[in-house]
């Protein structure tokens, strides 16, 4: 990701020399207001407060990208940024569907809503997942330390690797559905291993296209970005209502907020699954969308 950005004259602007954009002020304002309301009010409030809080987070990290390197997910294409919110909804519902089998997390307080309202507010909240994770990953990639991972182990996208990935993904999914108590962690691996080969077969963008030349920067940026988001998800959830809690076999100890400490490891492969889901859906929606997301350049 760029160490410099071009200004309107076409000349390279120094790293970190950009102004603070207006949507960054909006983001900070939303965080200040809805963090206060979500933790300060009594009774149900998170169902309407979650979306503006995470919209504020997403706009803030996007503005930080503009400040550090001159462009961002939002400024490159506002319509594509909105597209991220739209495809986040079915993407997270996929994991909710799998959780019907594993039951690793449940929502407390949702019994106060009928199904139509639950569906609406849940979908609205789920829409912020990809903008938050991808925006944070792009921000992470503006820091110089990420360049250490430009040269690393080569994991190619050859036929044997792709087939191996797909078979492993299908087996993982089968195991977690058959014996969820023992194989529940595979929910955070199976989707990626199934979808990545499909993206390669469709000639779409994939993380393997980076690791094939030893470039692990997108993977590290996604991992770090999703961990940062995970921290804020769990922190802001702690005093929320409604809220989620976890029932995770064998590792339900050393909690950091509601999440067991070892559970944070699930955010690493989850980031890769989000990337693969985005690339698949965007590829089916048109080549313009697949070129839009640039974790690194």
C-alpha atoms as a PDB file:
ATOM      1  CA  UNK A   1       0.000   0.000   0.000  1.00  0.00           C
ATOM      2  CA  UNK A   2       1.335   3.366  -0.994  1.00  0.00           C
ATOM      3  CA  UNK A   3       3.988   5.286   0.870  1.00  0.00           C
ATOM      4  CA  UNK A   4       2.865   8.333  -1.022  1.00  0.00           C
ATOM      5  CA  UNK A   5      -0.233   9.532  -2.850  1.00  0.00           C
ATOM      6  CA  UNK A   6      -0.689  11.803  -5.811  1.00  0.00           C
ATOM      7  CA  UNK A   7      -2.272  15.186  -5.276  1.00  0.00           C
ATOM      8  CA  UNK A   8      -4.429  16.982  -7.819  1.00  0.00           C
ATOM      9  CA  UNK A   9      -1.419  18.204  -9.742  1.00  0.00           C
ATOM     10  CA  UNK A  10      -0.221  14.648 -10.277  1.00  0.00           C
ATOM     11  CA  UNK A  11       2.789  15.121  -8.003  1.00  0.00           C
ATOM     12  CA  UNK A  12       3.496  12.691  -5.194  1.00  0.00           C
ATOM     13  CA  UNK A  13       2.199  13.920  -1.859  1.00  0.00           C
ATOM     14  CA  UNK A  14       4.331  13.108   1.200  1.00  0.00           C
ATOM     15  CA  UNK A  15       3.207  10.179   3.338  1.00  0.00           C
ATOM     16  CA  UNK A  16       0.700  11.287   5.961  1.00  0.00           C
ATOM     17  CA  UNK A  17       0.325  14.814   4.527  1.00  0.00           C
ATOM     18  CA  UNK A  18      -3.360  14.584   3.631  1.00  0.00           C
ATOM     19  CA  UNK A  19      -6.061  16.612   5.369  1.00  0.00           C
ATOM     20  CA  UNK A  20      -8.666  15.080   7.683  1.00  0.00           C
ATOM     21  CA  UNK A  21     -11.760  14.454   5.494  1.00  0.00           C
ATOM     22  CA  UNK A  22     -15.273  15.470   6.442  1.00  0.00           C
ATOM     23  CA  UNK A  23     -16.538  11.907   6.774  1.00  0.00           C
ATOM     24  CA  UNK A  24     -13.934  11.355   9.466  1.00  0.00           C
ATOM     25  CA  UNK A  25     -15.582  14.024  11.610  1.00  0.00           C
ATOM     26  CA  UNK A  26     -18.935  12.351  10.999  1.00  0.00           C
ATOM     27  CA  UNK A  27     -17.454   9.012  12.034  1.00  0.00           C
ATOM     28  CA  UNK A  28     -15.965  10.381  15.252  1.00  0.00           C
ATOM     29  CA  UNK A  29     -19.265  12.056  16.078  1.00  0.00           C
ATOM     30  CA  UNK A  30     -21.233   8.847  15.582  1.00  0.00           C
ATOM     31  CA  UNK A  31     -18.806   6.918  17.802  1.00  0.00           C
ATOM     32  CA  UNK A  32     -19.000   9.511  20.567  1.00  0.00           C
ATOM     33  CA  UNK A  33     -22.802   9.671  20.528  1.00  0.00           C
ATOM     34  CA  UNK A  34     -23.698   6.010  20.133  1.00  0.00           C
ATOM     35  CA  UNK A  35     -20.947   4.584  22.341  1.00  0.00           C
ATOM     36  CA  UNK A  36     -22.281   6.829  25.107  1.00  0.00           C
ATOM     37  CA  UNK A  37     -25.900   5.886  24.451  1.00  0.00           C
ATOM     38  CA  UNK A  38     -25.173   2.174  24.121  1.00  0.00           C
ATOM     39  CA  UNK A  39     -23.360   1.988  27.447  1.00  0.00           C
ATOM     40  CA  UNK A  40     -25.319   4.694  29.281  1.00  0.00           C
ATOM     41  CA  UNK A  41     -28.967   3.909  28.623  1.00  0.00           C
ATOM     42  CA  UNK A  42     -31.034   1.238  30.328  1.00  0.00           C
ATOM     43  CA  UNK A  43     -33.088  -1.403  28.550  1.00  0.00           C
ATOM     44  CA  UNK A  44     -32.846  -2.476  24.905  1.00  0.00           C
ATOM     45  CA  UNK A  45     -30.833  -0.004  22.852  1.00  0.00           C
ATOM     46  CA  UNK A  46     -28.122  -1.866  20.956  1.00  0.00           C
ATOM     47  CA  UNK A  47     -30.510  -3.029  18.238  1.00  0.00           C
ATOM     48  CA  UNK A  48     -30.730   0.563  16.985  1.00  0.00           C
ATOM     49  CA  UNK A  49     -27.349   1.742  18.273  1.00  0.00           C
ATOM     50  CA  UNK A  50     -25.080  -0.929  16.791  1.00  0.00           C
ATOM     51  CA  UNK A  51     -25.290   0.225  13.173  1.00  0.00           C
ATOM     52  CA  UNK A  52     -24.514   3.942  13.708  1.00  0.00           C
ATOM     53  CA  UNK A  53     -21.706   3.048  16.139  1.00  0.00           C
ATOM     54  CA  UNK A  54     -20.034   0.755  13.602  1.00  0.00           C
ATOM     55  CA  UNK A  55     -20.790   3.099  10.739  1.00  0.00           C
ATOM     56  CA  UNK A  56     -18.881   5.671  12.763  1.00  0.00           C
ATOM     57  CA  UNK A  57     -16.005   3.253  13.240  1.00  0.00           C
ATOM     58  CA  UNK A  58     -15.916   2.415   9.519  1.00  0.00           C
ATOM     59  CA  UNK A  59     -15.957   6.066   8.471  1.00  0.00           C
ATOM     60  CA  UNK A  60     -13.230   6.908  10.980  1.00  0.00           C
ATOM     61  CA  UNK A  61     -10.790   4.223   9.825  1.00  0.00           C
ATOM     62  CA  UNK A  62     -11.563   5.162   6.231  1.00  0.00           C
ATOM     63  CA  UNK A  63     -10.726   8.780   7.026  1.00  0.00           C
ATOM     64  CA  UNK A  64      -7.485   7.650   8.673  1.00  0.00           C
ATOM     65  CA  UNK A  65      -6.583   5.923   5.403  1.00  0.00           C
ATOM     66  CA  UNK A  66      -7.184   9.165   3.517  1.00  0.00           C
ATOM     67  CA  UNK A  67      -5.094  11.044   6.064  1.00  0.00           C
ATOM     68  CA  UNK A  68      -2.216   8.594   5.794  1.00  0.00           C
ATOM     69  CA  UNK A  69      -2.077   7.829   2.088  1.00  0.00           C
ATOM     70  CA  UNK A  70      -4.463  10.040   0.165  1.00  0.00           C
ATOM     71  CA  UNK A  71      -7.249   7.619  -0.779  1.00  0.00           C
ATOM     72  CA  UNK A  72      -9.476   4.974   0.778  1.00  0.00           C
ATOM     73  CA  UNK A  73     -12.254   2.491   0.122  1.00  0.00           C
ATOM     74  CA  UNK A  74     -14.866   5.257   0.261  1.00  0.00           C
ATOM     75  CA  UNK A  75     -13.013   7.924  -1.705  1.00  0.00           C
ATOM     76  CA  UNK A  76     -12.020   5.549  -4.519  1.00  0.00           C
ATOM     77  CA  UNK A  77     -15.656   4.631  -5.171  1.00  0.00           C
ATOM     78  CA  UNK A  78     -18.600   5.670  -2.952  1.00  0.00           C
ATOM     79  CA  UNK A  79     -20.945   3.280  -4.772  1.00  0.00           C
ATOM     80  CA  UNK A  80     -18.578   0.372  -4.231  1.00  0.00           C
ATOM     81  CA  UNK A  81     -18.308   1.312  -0.573  1.00  0.00           C
ATOM     82  CA  UNK A  82     -22.091   1.033  -0.265  1.00  0.00           C
ATOM     83  CA  UNK A  83     -21.804  -2.313  -2.048  1.00  0.00           C
ATOM     84  CA  UNK A  84     -19.645  -3.551   0.849  1.00  0.00           C
ATOM     85  CA  UNK A  85     -22.502  -2.923   3.277  1.00  0.00           C
ATOM     86  CA  UNK A  86     -24.934  -4.770   1.041  1.00  0.00           C
ATOM     87  CA  UNK A  87     -22.894  -7.924   0.581  1.00  0.00           C
ATOM     88  CA  UNK A  88     -21.914  -8.045   4.248  1.00  0.00           C
ATOM     89  CA  UNK A  89     -25.474  -9.006   5.109  1.00  0.00           C
ATOM     90  CA  UNK A  90     -25.717 -12.367   3.293  1.00  0.00           C
ATOM     91  CA  UNK A  91     -22.070 -13.066   4.095  1.00  0.00           C
ATOM     92  CA  UNK A  92     -22.614 -12.941   7.858  1.00  0.00           C
ATOM     93  CA  UNK A  93     -25.975 -14.729   7.630  1.00  0.00           C
ATOM     94  CA  UNK A  94     -23.997 -17.648   6.203  1.00  0.00           C
ATOM     95  CA  UNK A  95     -22.143 -17.932   9.510  1.00  0.00           C
ATOM     96  CA  UNK A  96     -25.376 -17.531  11.440  1.00  0.00           C
ATOM     97  CA  UNK A  97     -26.751 -20.461   9.447  1.00  0.00           C
ATOM     98  CA  UNK A  98     -23.750 -22.615  10.357  1.00  0.00           C
ATOM     99  CA  UNK A  99     -24.098 -21.492  13.981  1.00  0.00           C
ATOM    100  CA  UNK A 100     -27.580 -23.015  14.028  1.00  0.00           C
ATOM    101  CA  UNK A 101     -25.689 -26.304  14.063  1.00  0.00           C
ATOM    102  CA  UNK A 102     -22.710 -25.384  16.268  1.00  0.00           C
ATOM    103  CA  UNK A 103     -24.515 -23.036  18.725  1.00  0.00           C
ATOM    104  CA  UNK A 104     -21.244 -21.333  19.645  1.00  0.00           C
ATOM    105  CA  UNK A 105     -22.927 -18.004  20.268  1.00  0.00           C
ATOM    106  CA  UNK A 106     -26.422 -16.875  21.195  1.00  0.00           C
ATOM    107  CA  UNK A 107     -28.084 -13.477  21.447  1.00  0.00           C
ATOM    108  CA  UNK A 108     -29.491 -12.380  24.785  1.00  0.00           C
ATOM    109  CA  UNK A 109     -32.373  -9.912  24.795  1.00  0.00           C
ATOM    110  CA  UNK A 110     -33.659 -10.676  21.320  1.00  0.00           C
ATOM    111  CA  UNK A 111     -36.726 -12.366  22.777  1.00  0.00           C
ATOM    112  CA  UNK A 112     -38.241  -8.885  23.070  1.00  0.00           C
ATOM    113  CA  UNK A 113     -38.490  -8.659  19.268  1.00  0.00           C
ATOM    114  CA  UNK A 114     -40.643 -10.491  16.796  1.00  0.00           C
ATOM    115  CA  UNK A 115     -38.925 -12.258  13.919  1.00  0.00           C
ATOM    116  CA  UNK A 116     -39.406  -9.449  11.333  1.00  0.00           C
ATOM    117  CA  UNK A 117     -37.773  -6.882  13.620  1.00  0.00           C
ATOM    118  CA  UNK A 118     -35.014  -9.315  14.603  1.00  0.00           C
ATOM    119  CA  UNK A 119     -34.302  -9.964  10.926  1.00  0.00           C
ATOM    120  CA  UNK A 120     -34.243  -6.254  10.116  1.00  0.00           C
ATOM    121  CA  UNK A 121     -32.035  -5.078  12.979  1.00  0.00           C
ATOM    122  CA  UNK A 122     -29.701  -8.071  12.690  1.00  0.00           C
ATOM    123  CA  UNK A 123     -29.208  -7.531   8.966  1.00  0.00           C
ATOM    124  CA  UNK A 124     -28.595  -3.819   9.528  1.00  0.00           C
ATOM    125  CA  UNK A 125     -25.922  -4.645  12.099  1.00  0.00           C
ATOM    126  CA  UNK A 126     -24.337  -7.346   9.929  1.00  0.00           C
ATOM    127  CA  UNK A 127     -23.963  -4.842   7.080  1.00  0.00           C
ATOM    128  CA  UNK A 128     -21.058  -3.128   8.842  1.00  0.00           C
ATOM    129  CA  UNK A 129     -18.762  -6.179   9.006  1.00  0.00           C
ATOM    130  CA  UNK A 130     -16.927  -5.884   5.680  1.00  0.00           C
ATOM    131  CA  UNK A 131     -16.538  -2.087   5.678  1.00  0.00           C
ATOM    132  CA  UNK A 132     -15.053  -2.261   9.174  1.00  0.00           C
ATOM    133  CA  UNK A 133     -12.682  -5.166   8.533  1.00  0.00           C
ATOM    134  CA  UNK A 134     -11.493  -4.147   5.067  1.00  0.00           C
ATOM    135  CA  UNK A 135     -11.141  -0.506   6.064  1.00  0.00           C
ATOM    136  CA  UNK A 136      -9.067  -1.442   9.108  1.00  0.00           C
ATOM    137  CA  UNK A 137      -6.953  -3.834   7.047  1.00  0.00           C
ATOM    138  CA  UNK A 138      -6.237  -1.100   4.520  1.00  0.00           C
ATOM    139  CA  UNK A 139      -5.300   1.245   7.356  1.00  0.00           C
ATOM    140  CA  UNK A 140      -2.951  -1.376   8.839  1.00  0.00           C
ATOM    141  CA  UNK A 141      -1.287  -1.708   5.448  1.00  0.00           C
ATOM    142  CA  UNK A 142      -0.277   1.975   5.489  1.00  0.00           C
ATOM    143  CA  UNK A 143       2.285   1.317   8.220  1.00  0.00           C
ATOM    144  CA  UNK A 144       5.882   0.587   7.173  1.00  0.00           C
ATOM    145  CA  UNK A 145       6.203  -2.648   9.184  1.00  0.00           C
ATOM    146  CA  UNK A 146       3.827  -4.410   6.774  1.00  0.00           C
ATOM    147  CA  UNK A 147       6.565  -4.313   4.119  1.00  0.00           C
ATOM    148  CA  UNK A 148       8.458  -6.999   6.043  1.00  0.00           C
ATOM    149  CA  UNK A 149       5.941  -9.487   4.671  1.00  0.00           C
ATOM    150  CA  UNK A 150       6.420  -8.615   1.009  1.00  0.00           C
ATOM    151  CA  UNK A 151       8.751 -11.596   0.662  1.00  0.00           C
ATOM    152  CA  UNK A 152       7.764 -14.825   2.387  1.00  0.00           C
ATOM    153  CA  UNK A 153       6.934 -18.489   1.813  1.00  0.00           C
ATOM    154  CA  UNK A 154       5.445 -19.221  -1.585  1.00  0.00           C
ATOM    155  CA  UNK A 155       2.015 -20.844  -1.616  1.00  0.00           C
ATOM    156  CA  UNK A 156       0.946 -20.976  -5.243  1.00  0.00           C
ATOM    157  CA  UNK A 157      -2.376 -21.265  -6.999  1.00  0.00           C
ATOM    158  CA  UNK A 158      -1.472 -24.324  -9.051  1.00  0.00           C
ATOM    159  CA  UNK A 159      -3.986 -27.036  -9.820  1.00  0.00           C
ATOM    160  CA  UNK A 160      -2.824 -29.398  -7.084  1.00  0.00           C
ATOM    161  CA  UNK A 161      -2.949 -26.671  -4.419  1.00  0.00           C
ATOM    162  CA  UNK A 162      -6.389 -25.514  -5.491  1.00  0.00           C
ATOM    163  CA  UNK A 163      -7.798 -29.044  -5.499  1.00  0.00           C
ATOM    164  CA  UNK A 164      -6.223 -29.736  -2.108  1.00  0.00           C
ATOM    165  CA  UNK A 165      -7.749 -26.565  -0.684  1.00  0.00           C
ATOM    166  CA  UNK A 166     -11.211 -27.430  -1.982  1.00  0.00           C
ATOM    167  CA  UNK A 167     -11.152 -31.025  -0.719  1.00  0.00           C
ATOM    168  CA  UNK A 168      -9.910 -29.856   2.672  1.00  0.00           C
ATOM    169  CA  UNK A 169     -12.669 -27.243   2.836  1.00  0.00           C
ATOM    170  CA  UNK A 170     -15.432 -29.717   2.021  1.00  0.00           C
ATOM    171  CA  UNK A 171     -14.054 -32.198   4.588  1.00  0.00           C
ATOM    172  CA  UNK A 172     -13.853 -29.470   7.218  1.00  0.00           C
ATOM    173  CA  UNK A 173     -17.441 -28.446   6.593  1.00  0.00           C
ATOM    174  CA  UNK A 174     -18.602 -32.038   6.778  1.00  0.00           C
ATOM    175  CA  UNK A 175     -16.776 -32.646  10.055  1.00  0.00           C
ATOM    176  CA  UNK A 176     -18.116 -29.546  11.784  1.00  0.00           C
ATOM    177  CA  UNK A 177     -21.678 -30.284  10.688  1.00  0.00           C
ATOM    178  CA  UNK A 178     -21.444 -33.937  11.737  1.00  0.00           C
ATOM    179  CA  UNK A 179     -19.631 -33.417  15.060  1.00  0.00           C
ATOM    180  CA  UNK A 180     -19.948 -29.716  15.960  1.00  0.00           C
ATOM    181  CA  UNK A 181     -18.830 -30.202  19.569  1.00  0.00           C
ATOM    182  CA  UNK A 182     -15.371 -31.305  18.471  1.00  0.00           C
ATOM    183  CA  UNK A 183     -14.886 -29.606  15.099  1.00  0.00           C
ATOM    184  CA  UNK A 184     -16.607 -26.248  15.682  1.00  0.00           C
ATOM    185  CA  UNK A 185     -13.372 -24.249  15.029  1.00  0.00           C
ATOM    186  CA  UNK A 186     -13.492 -25.379  11.403  1.00  0.00           C
ATOM    187  CA  UNK A 187     -16.330 -22.941  10.714  1.00  0.00           C
ATOM    188  CA  UNK A 188     -13.588 -20.279  10.557  1.00  0.00           C
ATOM    189  CA  UNK A 189     -11.550 -22.282   8.055  1.00  0.00           C
ATOM    190  CA  UNK A 190     -13.917 -24.307   5.889  1.00  0.00           C
ATOM    191  CA  UNK A 191     -15.557 -21.403   4.065  1.00  0.00           C
ATOM    192  CA  UNK A 192     -12.209 -19.965   3.006  1.00  0.00           C
ATOM    193  CA  UNK A 193     -10.809 -23.292   1.800  1.00  0.00           C
ATOM    194  CA  UNK A 194     -13.963 -23.910  -0.252  1.00  0.00           C
ATOM    195  CA  UNK A 195     -14.282 -20.441  -1.769  1.00  0.00           C
ATOM    196  CA  UNK A 196     -10.637 -19.666  -2.518  1.00  0.00           C
ATOM    197  CA  UNK A 197     -10.380 -22.420  -5.188  1.00  0.00           C
ATOM    198  CA  UNK A 198     -13.654 -21.210  -6.702  1.00  0.00           C
ATOM    199  CA  UNK A 199     -12.250 -17.686  -6.998  1.00  0.00           C
ATOM    200  CA  UNK A 200      -9.114 -19.055  -8.656  1.00  0.00           C
ATOM    201  CA  UNK A 201     -11.201 -21.136 -11.081  1.00  0.00           C
ATOM    202  CA  UNK A 202     -13.290 -18.079 -11.990  1.00  0.00           C
ATOM    203  CA  UNK A 203     -10.086 -16.108 -12.706  1.00  0.00           C
ATOM    204  CA  UNK A 204     -10.979 -13.763  -9.877  1.00  0.00           C
ATOM    205  CA  UNK A 205      -8.801 -12.110  -7.273  1.00  0.00           C
ATOM    206  CA  UNK A 206      -7.567 -14.395  -4.517  1.00  0.00           C
ATOM    207  CA  UNK A 207      -5.096 -14.322  -1.678  1.00  0.00           C
ATOM    208  CA  UNK A 208      -3.263 -17.176  -3.380  1.00  0.00           C
ATOM    209  CA  UNK A 209      -2.415 -14.802  -6.219  1.00  0.00           C
ATOM    210  CA  UNK A 210      -0.380 -12.818  -3.666  1.00  0.00           C
ATOM    211  CA  UNK A 211       1.199 -15.713  -1.775  1.00  0.00           C
ATOM    212  CA  UNK A 212       2.111 -17.313  -5.127  1.00  0.00           C
ATOM    213  CA  UNK A 213       4.787 -14.632  -5.370  1.00  0.00           C
ATOM    214  CA  UNK A 214       5.566 -14.732  -1.663  1.00  0.00           C
ATOM    215  CA  UNK A 215       3.630 -11.563  -0.818  1.00  0.00           C
ATOM    216  CA  UNK A 216       1.922 -12.055   2.546  1.00  0.00           C
ATOM    217  CA  UNK A 217       1.075  -8.404   3.139  1.00  0.00           C
ATOM    218  CA  UNK A 218      -2.658  -8.758   2.364  1.00  0.00           C
ATOM    219  CA  UNK A 219      -2.948 -11.770   4.665  1.00  0.00           C
ATOM    220  CA  UNK A 220      -1.147 -10.036   7.542  1.00  0.00           C
ATOM    221  CA  UNK A 221      -3.127  -6.823   7.019  1.00  0.00           C
ATOM    222  CA  UNK A 222      -6.417  -8.732   7.014  1.00  0.00           C
ATOM    223  CA  UNK A 223      -5.441 -10.710  10.097  1.00  0.00           C
ATOM    224  CA  UNK A 224      -4.425  -7.598  11.991  1.00  0.00           C
ATOM    225  CA  UNK A 225      -7.403  -5.568  10.826  1.00  0.00           C
ATOM    226  CA  UNK A 226      -9.873  -8.256  11.833  1.00  0.00           C
ATOM    227  CA  UNK A 227      -8.245  -8.679  15.254  1.00  0.00           C
ATOM    228  CA  UNK A 228      -8.583  -4.942  15.843  1.00  0.00           C
ATOM    229  CA  UNK A 229     -12.239  -5.085  14.826  1.00  0.00           C
ATOM    230  CA  UNK A 230     -12.679  -8.152  17.014  1.00  0.00           C
ATOM    231  CA  UNK A 231     -11.412  -6.233  20.024  1.00  0.00           C
ATOM    232  CA  UNK A 232     -13.909  -3.432  19.429  1.00  0.00           C
ATOM    233  CA  UNK A 233     -16.753  -5.875  18.670  1.00  0.00           C
ATOM    234  CA  UNK A 234     -16.193  -7.637  21.972  1.00  0.00           C
ATOM    235  CA  UNK A 235     -15.560  -4.475  23.987  1.00  0.00           C
ATOM    236  CA  UNK A 236     -18.622  -2.612  22.719  1.00  0.00           C
ATOM    237  CA  UNK A 237     -20.735  -5.751  23.110  1.00  0.00           C
ATOM    238  CA  UNK A 238     -19.812  -6.190  26.790  1.00  0.00           C
ATOM    239  CA  UNK A 239     -22.182  -3.526  28.154  1.00  0.00           C
ATOM    240  CA  UNK A 240     -24.690  -3.765  25.320  1.00  0.00           C
ATOM    241  CA  UNK A 241     -28.258  -4.985  25.359  1.00  0.00           C
ATOM    242  CA  UNK A 242     -29.200  -7.046  23.394  1.00  0.00           C
ATOM    243  CA  UNK A 243     -25.780  -8.712  23.334  1.00  0.00           C
ATOM    244  CA  UNK A 244     -24.141 -11.966  22.327  1.00  0.00           C
ATOM    245  CA  UNK A 245     -22.502 -14.513  24.591  1.00  0.00           C
ATOM    246  CA  UNK A 246     -20.463 -17.607  23.771  1.00  0.00           C
ATOM    247  CA  UNK A 247     -20.846 -21.296  24.518  1.00  0.00           C
ATOM    248  CA  UNK A 248     -17.558 -22.705  23.245  1.00  0.00           C
ATOM    249  CA  UNK A 249     -16.613 -26.270  24.256  1.00  0.00           C
ATOM    250  CA  UNK A 250     -13.232 -26.911  25.889  1.00  0.00           C
ATOM    251  CA  UNK A 251     -11.858 -23.344  25.619  1.00  0.00           C
ATOM    252  CA  UNK A 252     -14.404 -21.332  27.614  1.00  0.00           C
ATOM    253  CA  UNK A 253     -11.892 -19.779  30.017  1.00  0.00           C
ATOM    254  CA  UNK A 254      -9.741 -16.648  30.363  1.00  0.00           C
ATOM    255  CA  UNK A 255     -12.403 -14.369  28.962  1.00  0.00           C
ATOM    256  CA  UNK A 256     -11.560 -11.004  27.468  1.00  0.00           C
ATOM    257  CA  UNK A 257     -14.992  -9.391  27.586  1.00  0.00           C
ATOM    258  CA  UNK A 258     -17.467 -12.160  26.606  1.00  0.00           C
ATOM    259  CA  UNK A 259     -14.996 -13.925  24.310  1.00  0.00           C
ATOM    260  CA  UNK A 260     -12.653 -16.665  25.608  1.00  0.00           C
ATOM    261  CA  UNK A 261      -9.076 -15.620  24.937  1.00  0.00           C
ATOM    262  CA  UNK A 262      -8.399 -18.503  22.543  1.00  0.00           C
ATOM    263  CA  UNK A 263     -11.536 -17.571  20.635  1.00  0.00           C
ATOM    264  CA  UNK A 264      -9.851 -14.443  19.308  1.00  0.00           C
ATOM    265  CA  UNK A 265      -7.791 -16.751  17.106  1.00  0.00           C
ATOM    266  CA  UNK A 266     -10.918 -17.317  15.054  1.00  0.00           C
ATOM    267  CA  UNK A 267     -10.742 -13.746  13.792  1.00  0.00           C
ATOM    268  CA  UNK A 268      -7.634 -14.608  11.756  1.00  0.00           C
ATOM    269  CA  UNK A 269      -9.212 -17.112   9.325  1.00  0.00           C
ATOM    270  CA  UNK A 270     -12.502 -15.193   9.488  1.00  0.00           C
ATOM    271  CA  UNK A 271     -10.753 -12.271   7.800  1.00  0.00           C
ATOM    272  CA  UNK A 272      -9.675 -14.534   4.943  1.00  0.00           C
ATOM    273  CA  UNK A 273     -13.203 -15.898   4.592  1.00  0.00           C
ATOM    274  CA  UNK A 274     -14.589 -12.380   4.316  1.00  0.00           C
ATOM    275  CA  UNK A 275     -12.072 -11.581   1.588  1.00  0.00           C
ATOM    276  CA  UNK A 276     -12.957 -14.745  -0.342  1.00  0.00           C
ATOM    277  CA  UNK A 277     -16.690 -14.081   0.042  1.00  0.00           C
ATOM    278  CA  UNK A 278     -16.273 -10.523  -1.162  1.00  0.00           C
ATOM    279  CA  UNK A 279     -14.231 -11.544  -4.183  1.00  0.00           C
ATOM    280  CA  UNK A 280     -16.726 -14.238  -5.180  1.00  0.00           C
ATOM    281  CA  UNK A 281     -19.813 -12.044  -4.844  1.00  0.00           C
ATOM    282  CA  UNK A 282     -18.067  -9.069  -6.448  1.00  0.00           C
ATOM    283  CA  UNK A 283     -16.758 -11.215  -9.301  1.00  0.00           C
ATOM    284  CA  UNK A 284     -20.280 -12.384 -10.044  1.00  0.00           C
ATOM    285  CA  UNK A 285     -21.401  -8.750  -9.873  1.00  0.00           C
ATOM    286  CA  UNK A 286     -18.844  -7.444 -12.358  1.00  0.00           C
ATOM    287  CA  UNK A 287     -15.125  -6.937 -12.875  1.00  0.00           C
ATOM    288  CA  UNK A 288     -15.290  -3.311 -11.721  1.00  0.00           C
ATOM    289  CA  UNK A 289     -16.095  -4.391  -8.194  1.00  0.00           C
ATOM    290  CA  UNK A 290     -13.303  -6.968  -7.965  1.00  0.00           C
ATOM    291  CA  UNK A 291     -10.655  -4.371  -8.789  1.00  0.00           C
ATOM    292  CA  UNK A 292     -11.968  -1.940  -6.179  1.00  0.00           C
ATOM    293  CA  UNK A 293     -10.748  -3.581  -2.981  1.00  0.00           C
ATOM    294  CA  UNK A 294      -7.008  -2.934  -2.624  1.00  0.00           C
ATOM    295  CA  UNK A 295      -5.657  -4.005   0.738  1.00  0.00           C
ATOM    296  CA  UNK A 296      -2.151  -3.440  -0.614  1.00  0.00           C
ATOM    297  CA  UNK A 297      -0.781  -2.095  -3.888  1.00  0.00           C
END
